[in-house]
Amino acid sequence: MIYSQKFLDCVAFTLGEEGGAVNDPRDPGGDTAEGGITEAIWKSWCDRTPGHAGRPLSSCKREDALAIYYSLYWETHDLEQVSQPWAAVIFDACINLAWGAGVKLAQFAAKTAGVYGGPLDGRMSPLFIKAINAAPQAALIAAYMRGGYHVAKTEACFLNGSVNRVKALKALVMKEISAPPAPPAETVEHGTVTADADGRQHVAFSKE
């Protein structure tokens, strides 16, 4: 499968934080495979994906984690339509906390900031996507992270790790927000390279 550059940028952070296979008895999610995939998520994905039924969790590889995160989180929440900073924050929170928790926290932050008047239902509706894309990114994301992301995991043994994860994510997205916009095109020897909204590059060759 070919993924967008936006998805690959966002999932790179999450995969780095989730790490490899872990069996921590303190984690209520139980055993996790490559990329933090739990037994429940793995079974759900295998059951609905042709050719994967019955595979054990131990067989989960990086490419499987990418496919799971894309189909169950990225596509389901329509994150390709969300601005890059928000897509990274919501995507990671939904994986780190719970499937719809990241969306609800974002809705709460947007409603508190007065930029969203819809329900707190955990759905990435067109109304909500339009609201967060149009809102001041830095201020709204800072409010979102103050709103309880790092304490939503109630297990005390994981609190420090959650706090550090949020700090790292905040530093990453704030850097993206403050970075100067990339030039729309750059000249190459035989044409012009442009990037579309999905991060895919296209080359238009000029006649010589």
Protein backbone atom coordinates (compact mmCIF):
# COMPACT_ATOMS: atom_id res chain seq x y z
CA MET A 1 0.00 0.00 0.00
CA ILE A 2 1.14 3.55 -0.76
CA TYR A 3 0.65 5.93 2.17
CA SER A 4 0.60 9.72 2.08
CA GLN A 5 3.62 11.60 3.41
CA LYS A 6 1.38 13.19 6.05
CA PHE A 7 0.46 9.78 7.45
CA LEU A 8 4.07 8.58 7.36
CA ASP A 9 5.25 11.69 9.21
CA CYS A 10 2.60 11.27 11.92
CA VAL A 11 2.99 7.52 12.36
CA ALA A 12 6.79 7.83 12.63
CA PHE A 13 6.43 9.65 15.94
CA THR A 14 3.86 7.20 17.29
CA LEU A 15 5.83 4.11 16.29
CA GLY A 16 8.91 5.57 17.96
CA GLU A 17 7.00 6.09 21.20
CA GLU A 18 5.21 2.74 21.16
CA GLY A 19 8.39 0.74 20.45
CA GLY A 20 8.55 -2.99 19.94
CA ALA A 21 6.81 -5.95 21.55
CA VAL A 22 6.19 -5.57 25.29
CA ASN A 23 4.62 -7.77 27.95
CA ASP A 24 4.13 -5.50 30.97
CA PRO A 25 1.80 -7.01 33.61
CA ARG A 26 0.96 -3.48 34.80
CA ASP A 27 -0.55 -2.56 31.43
CA PRO A 28 -4.32 -3.29 31.36
CA GLY A 29 -4.06 -3.60 27.57
CA GLY A 30 -2.04 -6.79 28.00
CA ASP A 31 0.68 -7.93 25.58
CA THR A 32 1.57 -5.55 22.78
CA ALA A 33 3.33 -6.31 19.52
CA GLU A 34 5.43 -4.13 17.20
CA GLY A 35 4.21 -0.53 17.33
CA GLY A 36 2.09 -1.05 20.45
CA ILE A 37 -0.57 -3.21 18.77
CA THR A 38 -2.70 -4.94 21.43
CA GLU A 39 -4.18 -8.42 21.22
CA ALA A 40 -7.72 -7.01 20.88
CA ILE A 41 -6.80 -4.62 18.06
CA TRP A 42 -4.76 -7.31 16.32
CA LYS A 43 -7.60 -9.87 16.40
CA SER A 44 -10.13 -7.30 15.18
CA TRP A 45 -7.92 -6.35 12.23
CA CYS A 46 -7.00 -9.95 11.34
CA ASP A 47 -10.63 -11.06 11.41
CA ARG A 48 -11.68 -8.37 8.94
CA THR A 49 -8.61 -8.51 6.67
CA PRO A 50 -8.49 -11.29 4.04
CA GLY A 51 -5.58 -13.67 4.45
CA HIS A 52 -4.80 -12.74 8.05
CA ALA A 53 -7.37 -14.67 10.10
CA GLY A 54 -5.84 -16.75 12.87
CA ARG A 55 -2.41 -15.10 12.86
CA PRO A 56 -0.88 -14.90 16.35
CA LEU A 57 0.02 -11.50 17.82
CA SER A 58 3.68 -12.49 17.81
CA SER A 59 3.63 -12.46 13.99
CA CYS A 60 2.75 -8.74 13.83
CA LYS A 61 5.44 -6.83 11.93
CA ARG A 62 6.03 -3.16 11.26
CA GLU A 63 4.15 -3.28 7.95
CA ASP A 64 1.17 -4.81 9.77
CA ALA A 65 1.24 -2.02 12.37
CA LEU A 66 1.25 0.57 9.59
CA ALA A 67 -1.74 -1.06 7.90
CA ILE A 68 -3.64 -1.25 11.21
CA TYR A 69 -2.95 2.34 12.16
CA TYR A 70 -3.93 3.52 8.70
CA SER A 71 -7.20 1.62 8.38
CA LEU A 72 -8.45 1.71 11.99
CA TYR A 73 -7.29 5.19 13.02
CA TRP A 74 -6.15 7.39 10.13
CA GLU A 75 -8.87 6.59 7.59
CA THR A 76 -11.63 6.15 10.15
CA HIS A 77 -10.97 9.60 11.63
CA ASP A 78 -10.51 11.19 8.17
CA LEU A 79 -7.18 12.65 9.31
CA GLU A 80 -5.96 13.21 5.76
CA GLN A 81 -8.34 16.20 5.73
CA VAL A 82 -6.91 17.66 8.96
CA SER A 83 -3.97 20.07 9.12
CA GLN A 84 -0.64 18.37 9.81
CA PRO A 85 -0.16 19.52 13.44
CA TRP A 86 -3.68 18.48 14.46
CA ALA A 87 -3.49 15.22 12.55
CA ALA A 88 -0.33 14.25 14.47
CA VAL A 89 -1.79 15.18 17.85
CA ILE A 90 -5.18 13.50 17.41
CA PHE A 91 -3.70 10.40 15.78
CA ASP A 92 -1.21 9.82 18.57
CA ALA A 93 -3.76 10.46 21.32
CA CYS A 94 -6.28 8.02 19.84
CA ILE A 95 -3.60 5.32 19.84
CA ASN A 96 -2.05 6.18 23.19
CA LEU A 97 -5.32 6.62 25.08
CA ALA A 98 -8.32 5.13 23.29
CA TRP A 99 -9.85 5.03 19.82
CA GLY A 100 -12.02 8.17 20.15
CA ALA A 101 -10.44 9.80 23.18
CA GLY A 102 -8.08 12.01 21.19
CA VAL A 103 -10.98 13.39 19.17
CA LYS A 104 -13.09 14.14 22.25
CA LEU A 105 -10.21 15.97 23.91
CA ALA A 106 -9.71 18.02 20.75
CA GLN A 107 -13.42 18.81 20.59
CA PHE A 108 -13.38 19.94 24.22
CA ALA A 109 -10.37 22.20 23.64
CA ALA A 110 -11.96 23.70 20.52
CA LYS A 111 -15.28 24.28 22.28
CA THR A 112 -13.54 25.86 25.27
CA ALA A 113 -11.66 28.17 22.89
CA GLY A 114 -14.95 29.15 21.24
CA VAL A 115 -14.10 27.88 17.77
CA TYR A 116 -16.40 24.83 17.73
CA GLY A 117 -20.05 24.60 18.70
CA GLY A 118 -20.81 20.98 17.90
CA PRO A 119 -21.19 17.91 20.13
CA LEU A 120 -18.41 16.20 22.09
CA ASP A 121 -19.06 12.88 20.41
CA GLY A 122 -15.59 11.73 19.38
CA ARG A 123 -16.45 12.00 15.67
CA MET A 124 -14.33 13.82 13.10
CA SER A 125 -17.31 15.50 11.46
CA PRO A 126 -16.89 17.98 8.57
CA LEU A 127 -17.97 20.75 10.97
CA PHE A 128 -15.26 19.86 13.48
CA ILE A 129 -12.54 19.41 10.86
CA LYS A 130 -13.36 22.81 9.37
CA ALA A 131 -13.27 24.42 12.83
CA ILE A 132 -9.85 23.12 13.88
CA ASN A 133 -8.27 23.70 10.50
CA ALA A 134 -9.33 27.36 10.61
CA ALA A 135 -8.43 27.99 14.26
CA PRO A 136 -5.07 29.42 15.48
CA GLN A 137 -3.01 26.22 15.57
CA ALA A 138 -0.42 26.93 18.26
CA ALA A 139 -2.83 28.32 20.88
CA LEU A 140 -5.43 25.61 20.34
CA ILE A 141 -2.97 22.73 20.46
CA ALA A 142 -1.40 24.14 23.64
CA ALA A 143 -4.87 24.31 25.21
CA TYR A 144 -5.57 20.76 24.08
CA MET A 145 -2.46 19.42 25.76
CA ARG A 146 -3.23 21.29 28.97
CA GLY A 147 -6.67 19.71 28.94
CA GLY A 148 -5.67 16.36 30.35
CA TYR A 149 -4.00 14.35 27.58
CA HIS A 150 -1.06 13.38 29.78
CA VAL A 151 -3.22 12.40 32.78
CA ALA A 152 -5.86 10.49 30.83
CA LYS A 153 -3.89 7.30 31.42
CA THR A 154 -4.77 6.69 35.04
CA GLU A 155 -2.14 4.04 35.79
CA ALA A 156 0.40 5.89 37.96
CA CYS A 157 3.28 3.75 36.70
CA PHE A 158 2.79 5.15 33.19
CA LEU A 159 2.24 8.81 34.12
CA ASN A 160 5.84 9.99 33.67
CA GLY A 161 6.09 8.28 30.31
CA SER A 162 2.82 9.85 29.19
CA VAL A 163 3.96 13.31 30.28
CA ASN A 164 7.27 12.93 28.44
CA ARG A 165 5.44 11.67 25.35
CA VAL A 166 3.18 14.73 25.32
CA LYS A 167 6.16 17.06 25.76
CA ALA A 168 7.93 15.43 22.81
CA LEU A 169 4.80 15.59 20.65
CA LYS A 170 4.17 19.22 21.57
CA ALA A 171 7.76 20.17 20.70
CA LEU A 172 7.41 18.40 17.36
CA VAL A 173 4.15 20.02 16.28
CA MET A 174 5.11 23.49 17.56
CA LYS A 175 8.27 23.24 15.47
CA GLU A 176 6.14 22.40 12.44
CA ILE A 177 3.82 25.36 13.11
CA SER A 178 6.67 27.84 13.50
CA ALA A 179 8.65 26.58 10.50
CA PRO A 180 8.55 28.87 7.44
CA PRO A 181 6.39 27.51 4.62
CA ALA A 182 8.24 25.50 2.03
CA PRO A 183 8.54 27.08 -1.41
CA PRO A 184 5.81 25.79 -3.72
CA ALA A 185 8.28 24.53 -6.30
CA GLU A 186 11.95 24.08 -7.00
CA THR A 187 13.65 24.09 -10.36
CA VAL A 188 15.37 20.91 -11.51
CA GLU A 189 17.43 20.28 -14.55
CA HIS A 190 14.59 19.16 -16.81
CA GLY A 191 11.47 20.47 -15.17
CA THR A 192 9.71 21.59 -11.99
CA VAL A 193 8.94 19.55 -8.88
CA THR A 194 5.75 20.48 -7.00
CA ALA A 195 4.09 18.96 -3.96
CA ASP A 196 0.32 18.57 -3.62
CA ALA A 197 -1.71 18.83 -0.39
CA ASP A 198 -1.10 15.15 0.38
CA GLY A 199 2.67 15.51 0.20
CA ARG A 200 3.05 13.65 -3.06
CA GLN A 201 5.58 15.08 -5.48
CA HIS A 202 4.91 15.65 -9.15
CA VAL A 203 7.33 16.55 -11.93
CA ALA A 204 6.32 18.74 -14.89
CA PHE A 205 8.92 18.56 -17.64
CA SER A 206 9.54 21.61 -19.75
CA LYS A 207 10.22 21.54 -23.45
CA GLU A 208 13.76 22.40 -24.47
